[in-house]
């Protein structure tokens, strides 16, 4: 009985200690609350190392008013539109992760 009690106590302590070190933290946030116009050069949010860049025609990626909508998902900010008429158009943004963080 003593050995079982000790084992359960040890397990509870290990779970409590590991829970303290396994808390999640926000790595990247992008509210996309930019002014309307070209997306290139826009910067905001947290966790990014650069601004928005575009591939192809700079004016092919623009910020438009109103957020995207999806079922019951709460959204905010604006949205981007990438013209389908421009060859090789697109937009990207860079970010880096601290060496102490992992993505699973």
N, C-alpha and C. Protein backbone atom coordinates (compact mmCIF):
# COMPACT_ATOMS: atom_id res chain seq x y z
N UNK A 1 0.83 -1.20 0.00
CA UNK A 1 0.00 0.00 0.00
C UNK A 1 0.86 1.25 0.00
N UNK A 2 1.95 1.22 0.80
CA UNK A 2 2.84 2.37 0.87
C UNK A 2 3.49 2.65 -0.48
N UNK A 3 3.89 1.58 -1.17
CA UNK A 3 4.56 1.73 -2.46
C UNK A 3 3.59 2.30 -3.49
N UNK A 4 2.35 1.87 -3.53
CA UNK A 4 1.34 2.38 -4.46
C UNK A 4 1.06 3.85 -4.19
N UNK A 5 0.95 4.21 -2.94
CA UNK A 5 0.70 5.60 -2.55
C UNK A 5 1.85 6.50 -3.00
N UNK A 6 3.08 6.02 -2.80
CA UNK A 6 4.25 6.78 -3.23
C UNK A 6 4.25 6.96 -4.75
N UNK A 7 3.91 5.90 -5.48
CA UNK A 7 3.88 5.95 -6.94
C UNK A 7 2.85 6.93 -7.45
N UNK A 8 1.67 6.95 -6.84
CA UNK A 8 0.63 7.89 -7.25
C UNK A 8 1.03 9.33 -6.91
N UNK A 9 1.65 9.53 -5.76
CA UNK A 9 2.11 10.87 -5.38
C UNK A 9 3.18 11.36 -6.35
N UNK A 10 4.12 10.49 -6.70
CA UNK A 10 5.17 10.85 -7.63
C UNK A 10 4.58 11.19 -9.00
N UNK A 11 3.63 10.41 -9.46
CA UNK A 11 2.99 10.67 -10.75
C UNK A 11 2.28 12.02 -10.74
N UNK A 12 1.58 12.33 -9.65
CA UNK A 12 0.88 13.62 -9.55
C UNK A 12 1.86 14.78 -9.57
N UNK A 13 2.97 14.65 -8.87
CA UNK A 13 4.00 15.71 -8.86
C UNK A 13 4.60 15.89 -10.25
N UNK A 14 4.92 14.81 -10.93
CA UNK A 14 5.48 14.90 -12.28
C UNK A 14 4.52 15.55 -13.26
N UNK A 15 3.24 15.23 -13.16
CA UNK A 15 2.23 15.85 -14.04
C UNK A 15 2.13 17.34 -13.75
N UNK A 16 2.12 17.72 -12.48
CA UNK A 16 2.03 19.13 -12.11
C UNK A 16 3.24 19.92 -12.59
N UNK A 17 4.42 19.35 -12.46
CA UNK A 17 5.65 20.03 -12.88
C UNK A 17 5.69 20.14 -14.40
N UNK A 18 5.35 19.06 -15.11
CA UNK A 18 5.40 19.11 -16.58
C UNK A 18 4.36 20.07 -17.14
N UNK A 19 3.21 20.21 -16.50
CA UNK A 19 2.18 21.15 -16.96
C UNK A 19 2.69 22.58 -16.87
N UNK A 20 3.52 22.86 -15.90
CA UNK A 20 4.07 24.20 -15.74
C UNK A 20 4.97 24.56 -16.92
N UNK A 21 5.68 23.60 -17.48
CA UNK A 21 6.61 23.85 -18.57
C UNK A 21 6.01 23.65 -19.95
N UNK A 22 4.78 23.18 -20.04
CA UNK A 22 4.20 22.89 -21.35
C UNK A 22 3.11 23.89 -21.74
N UNK A 23 3.18 25.09 -21.23
CA UNK A 23 2.19 26.11 -21.57
C UNK A 23 2.45 26.63 -22.98
N UNK A 24 1.39 26.86 -23.71
CA UNK A 24 1.50 27.37 -25.08
C UNK A 24 1.69 28.88 -25.05
N UNK A 25 2.36 29.38 -26.06
CA UNK A 25 2.51 30.83 -26.21
C UNK A 25 2.26 31.20 -27.65
N UNK A 26 1.77 32.40 -27.86
CA UNK A 26 1.45 32.89 -29.18
C UNK A 26 2.74 33.20 -29.93
N UNK A 27 2.95 32.59 -31.09
CA UNK A 27 4.15 32.82 -31.88
C UNK A 27 3.93 33.90 -32.93
N UNK A 28 2.79 33.88 -33.58
CA UNK A 28 2.51 34.81 -34.66
C UNK A 28 1.05 35.25 -34.58
N UNK A 29 0.83 36.54 -34.79
CA UNK A 29 -0.53 37.07 -34.85
C UNK A 29 -0.61 38.05 -36.02
N UNK A 30 -1.60 37.89 -36.86
CA UNK A 30 -1.77 38.77 -38.02
C UNK A 30 -3.22 39.22 -38.10
N UNK A 31 -3.56 40.37 -37.50
CA UNK A 31 -4.93 40.85 -37.54
C UNK A 31 -5.34 41.40 -38.90
N UNK A 32 -4.39 41.67 -39.78
CA UNK A 32 -4.61 42.15 -41.14
C UNK A 32 -5.49 43.39 -41.16
N UNK A 33 -5.15 44.36 -40.33
CA UNK A 33 -5.93 45.60 -40.26
C UNK A 33 -5.22 46.75 -41.00
N UNK A 34 -4.80 46.48 -42.23
CA UNK A 34 -4.08 47.45 -43.04
C UNK A 34 -5.05 48.38 -43.77
N UNK A 35 -4.52 49.52 -44.20
CA UNK A 35 -5.28 50.43 -45.05
C UNK A 35 -5.44 49.80 -46.43
N UNK A 36 -6.51 50.16 -47.12
CA UNK A 36 -6.71 49.62 -48.47
C UNK A 36 -5.64 50.16 -49.41
N UNK A 37 -5.32 49.37 -50.41
CA UNK A 37 -4.29 49.73 -51.38
C UNK A 37 -3.34 48.57 -51.58
N UNK A 38 -2.12 48.85 -52.01
CA UNK A 38 -1.12 47.80 -52.26
C UNK A 38 -0.75 47.07 -50.97
N UNK A 39 -0.63 45.76 -51.06
CA UNK A 39 -0.20 44.96 -49.92
C UNK A 39 1.31 45.06 -49.70
N UNK A 40 2.07 45.19 -50.77
CA UNK A 40 3.53 45.24 -50.68
C UNK A 40 3.98 46.36 -49.74
N UNK A 41 4.87 46.01 -48.81
CA UNK A 41 5.39 47.00 -47.87
C UNK A 41 4.58 47.16 -46.60
N UNK A 42 3.38 46.57 -46.55
CA UNK A 42 2.57 46.68 -45.34
C UNK A 42 3.23 45.87 -44.23
N UNK A 43 3.16 46.37 -43.03
CA UNK A 43 3.73 45.67 -41.89
C UNK A 43 2.83 45.84 -40.68
N UNK A 44 2.71 44.82 -39.89
CA UNK A 44 1.85 44.83 -38.71
C UNK A 44 1.84 43.45 -38.11
N UNK A 45 1.05 43.27 -37.08
CA UNK A 45 1.01 41.98 -36.41
C UNK A 45 2.25 41.78 -35.55
N UNK A 46 2.42 40.59 -35.02
CA UNK A 46 3.56 40.27 -34.18
C UNK A 46 4.19 38.96 -34.62
N UNK A 47 5.50 38.85 -34.42
CA UNK A 47 6.21 37.63 -34.73
C UNK A 47 6.82 37.59 -36.12
N UNK A 48 6.68 38.63 -36.91
CA UNK A 48 7.21 38.66 -38.27
C UNK A 48 8.56 39.37 -38.30
N UNK A 49 9.39 39.00 -39.26
CA UNK A 49 10.71 39.63 -39.40
C UNK A 49 10.77 40.55 -40.61
N UNK A 50 9.72 40.65 -41.37
CA UNK A 50 9.72 41.51 -42.54
C UNK A 50 8.31 41.93 -42.91
N UNK A 51 8.23 42.82 -43.88
CA UNK A 51 6.92 43.28 -44.34
C UNK A 51 6.41 42.38 -45.46
N UNK A 52 5.20 42.65 -45.93
CA UNK A 52 4.62 41.88 -47.02
C UNK A 52 5.38 42.18 -48.31
N UNK A 53 5.70 41.14 -49.05
CA UNK A 53 6.31 41.29 -50.37
C UNK A 53 5.42 40.61 -51.39
N UNK A 54 5.50 41.07 -52.62
CA UNK A 54 4.69 40.47 -53.67
C UNK A 54 5.59 39.91 -54.77
N UNK A 55 5.07 38.93 -55.47
CA UNK A 55 5.77 38.32 -56.61
C UNK A 55 5.00 38.75 -57.85
N UNK A 56 5.71 39.15 -58.86
CA UNK A 56 5.05 39.61 -60.07
C UNK A 56 4.75 41.10 -59.95
N UNK A 57 3.67 41.54 -60.53
CA UNK A 57 3.27 42.94 -60.51
C UNK A 57 2.96 43.37 -59.08
N UNK A 58 3.60 44.45 -58.61
CA UNK A 58 3.41 44.92 -57.23
C UNK A 58 1.94 45.23 -56.95
N UNK A 59 1.24 45.75 -57.94
CA UNK A 59 -0.16 46.10 -57.74
C UNK A 59 -1.11 44.93 -57.84
N UNK A 60 -0.59 43.72 -58.07
CA UNK A 60 -1.45 42.54 -58.22
C UNK A 60 -2.05 42.09 -56.89
N UNK A 61 -1.40 42.43 -55.78
CA UNK A 61 -1.91 42.05 -54.45
C UNK A 61 -2.35 43.33 -53.73
N UNK A 62 -3.63 43.44 -53.46
CA UNK A 62 -4.17 44.63 -52.81
C UNK A 62 -4.94 44.27 -51.55
N UNK A 63 -5.05 45.24 -50.65
CA UNK A 63 -5.85 45.10 -49.44
C UNK A 63 -7.23 45.67 -49.74
N UNK A 64 -8.25 44.90 -49.42
CA UNK A 64 -9.63 45.33 -49.62
C UNK A 64 -10.36 45.37 -48.28
N UNK A 65 -11.40 46.19 -48.22
CA UNK A 65 -12.16 46.31 -46.97
C UNK A 65 -12.97 45.05 -46.70
N UNK A 66 -13.33 44.88 -45.48
CA UNK A 66 -14.11 43.77 -44.91
C UNK A 66 -13.30 42.49 -44.83
N UNK A 67 -13.54 41.79 -43.77
CA UNK A 67 -12.80 40.57 -43.49
C UNK A 67 -13.37 39.39 -44.26
N UNK A 68 -12.58 38.33 -44.34
CA UNK A 68 -13.09 37.09 -44.92
C UNK A 68 -14.14 36.50 -43.99
N UNK A 69 -15.04 35.73 -44.49
CA UNK A 69 -16.09 35.11 -43.67
C UNK A 69 -16.04 33.60 -43.83
N UNK A 70 -16.22 32.90 -42.73
CA UNK A 70 -16.28 31.45 -42.76
C UNK A 70 -17.20 30.96 -41.66
N UNK A 71 -18.35 30.48 -42.04
CA UNK A 71 -19.31 29.88 -41.14
C UNK A 71 -19.47 30.71 -39.85
N UNK A 72 -19.21 30.12 -38.70
CA UNK A 72 -19.37 30.82 -37.42
C UNK A 72 -18.05 31.32 -36.85
N UNK A 73 -16.98 31.28 -37.64
CA UNK A 73 -15.68 31.75 -37.19
C UNK A 73 -15.68 33.28 -37.09
N UNK A 74 -15.30 33.80 -35.93
CA UNK A 74 -15.22 35.25 -35.75
C UNK A 74 -13.98 35.79 -36.47
N UNK A 75 -14.16 36.79 -37.32
CA UNK A 75 -13.05 37.38 -38.06
C UNK A 75 -13.04 38.89 -37.88
N UNK A 76 -11.91 39.50 -38.18
CA UNK A 76 -11.79 40.96 -38.12
C UNK A 76 -10.72 41.39 -39.10
N UNK A 77 -10.56 42.69 -39.26
CA UNK A 77 -9.54 43.21 -40.17
C UNK A 77 -10.05 43.23 -41.61
N UNK A 78 -9.13 43.39 -42.53
CA UNK A 78 -9.47 43.44 -43.95
C UNK A 78 -9.06 42.14 -44.62
N UNK A 79 -9.00 42.14 -45.94
CA UNK A 79 -8.62 40.95 -46.70
C UNK A 79 -7.73 41.37 -47.85
N UNK A 80 -7.06 40.40 -48.46
CA UNK A 80 -6.24 40.69 -49.63
C UNK A 80 -6.86 40.07 -50.87
N UNK A 81 -6.60 40.71 -51.97
CA UNK A 81 -7.04 40.20 -53.27
C UNK A 81 -5.82 40.12 -54.15
N UNK A 82 -5.58 38.95 -54.72
CA UNK A 82 -4.45 38.76 -55.64
C UNK A 82 -5.04 38.50 -57.02
N UNK A 83 -4.71 39.38 -57.93
CA UNK A 83 -5.27 39.33 -59.28
C UNK A 83 -4.92 38.03 -59.98
N UNK A 84 -5.92 37.34 -60.54
CA UNK A 84 -5.64 36.11 -61.28
C UNK A 84 -5.13 36.40 -62.69
N UNK A 85 -5.14 37.65 -63.09
CA UNK A 85 -4.75 38.01 -64.46
C UNK A 85 -3.27 38.30 -64.60
N UNK A 86 -2.51 38.22 -63.51
CA UNK A 86 -1.08 38.51 -63.56
C UNK A 86 -0.31 37.21 -63.37
N UNK A 87 0.56 36.88 -64.32
CA UNK A 87 1.34 35.65 -64.23
C UNK A 87 2.28 35.68 -63.04
N UNK A 88 2.39 34.58 -62.34
CA UNK A 88 3.30 34.42 -61.20
C UNK A 88 3.07 35.47 -60.12
N UNK A 89 1.82 35.80 -59.84
CA UNK A 89 1.56 36.77 -58.77
C UNK A 89 1.33 36.04 -57.47
N UNK A 90 1.66 36.69 -56.37
CA UNK A 90 1.48 36.11 -55.05
C UNK A 90 2.02 37.06 -54.00
N UNK A 91 1.89 36.70 -52.75
CA UNK A 91 2.37 37.53 -51.65
C UNK A 91 2.92 36.63 -50.57
N UNK A 92 3.92 37.13 -49.84
CA UNK A 92 4.50 36.35 -48.75
C UNK A 92 5.05 37.26 -47.67
N UNK A 93 5.34 36.64 -46.54
CA UNK A 93 5.87 37.36 -45.38
C UNK A 93 6.76 36.39 -44.60
N UNK A 94 7.86 36.87 -44.04
CA UNK A 94 8.79 35.99 -43.33
C UNK A 94 8.60 36.11 -41.82
N UNK A 95 8.94 35.03 -41.14
CA UNK A 95 8.94 35.01 -39.69
C UNK A 95 10.03 34.06 -39.24
N UNK A 96 10.45 34.19 -38.01
CA UNK A 96 11.44 33.25 -37.47
C UNK A 96 10.98 32.79 -36.11
N UNK A 97 11.44 31.61 -35.75
CA UNK A 97 11.10 31.04 -34.45
C UNK A 97 12.34 31.03 -33.58
N UNK A 98 12.16 31.29 -32.32
CA UNK A 98 13.26 31.20 -31.37
C UNK A 98 13.75 29.76 -31.33
N UNK A 99 15.02 29.56 -31.06
CA UNK A 99 15.57 28.21 -31.01
C UNK A 99 15.00 27.41 -29.84
N UNK A 100 14.31 28.06 -28.92
CA UNK A 100 13.75 27.37 -27.76
C UNK A 100 12.32 26.94 -27.98
N UNK A 101 11.78 27.19 -29.16
CA UNK A 101 10.38 26.84 -29.43
C UNK A 101 10.33 25.79 -30.52
N UNK A 102 9.29 24.97 -30.47
CA UNK A 102 9.09 23.93 -31.45
C UNK A 102 7.68 24.01 -31.99
N UNK A 103 7.52 23.65 -33.23
CA UNK A 103 6.19 23.51 -33.81
C UNK A 103 5.96 22.03 -34.03
N UNK A 104 4.90 21.52 -33.46
CA UNK A 104 4.61 20.09 -33.59
C UNK A 104 3.48 19.87 -34.55
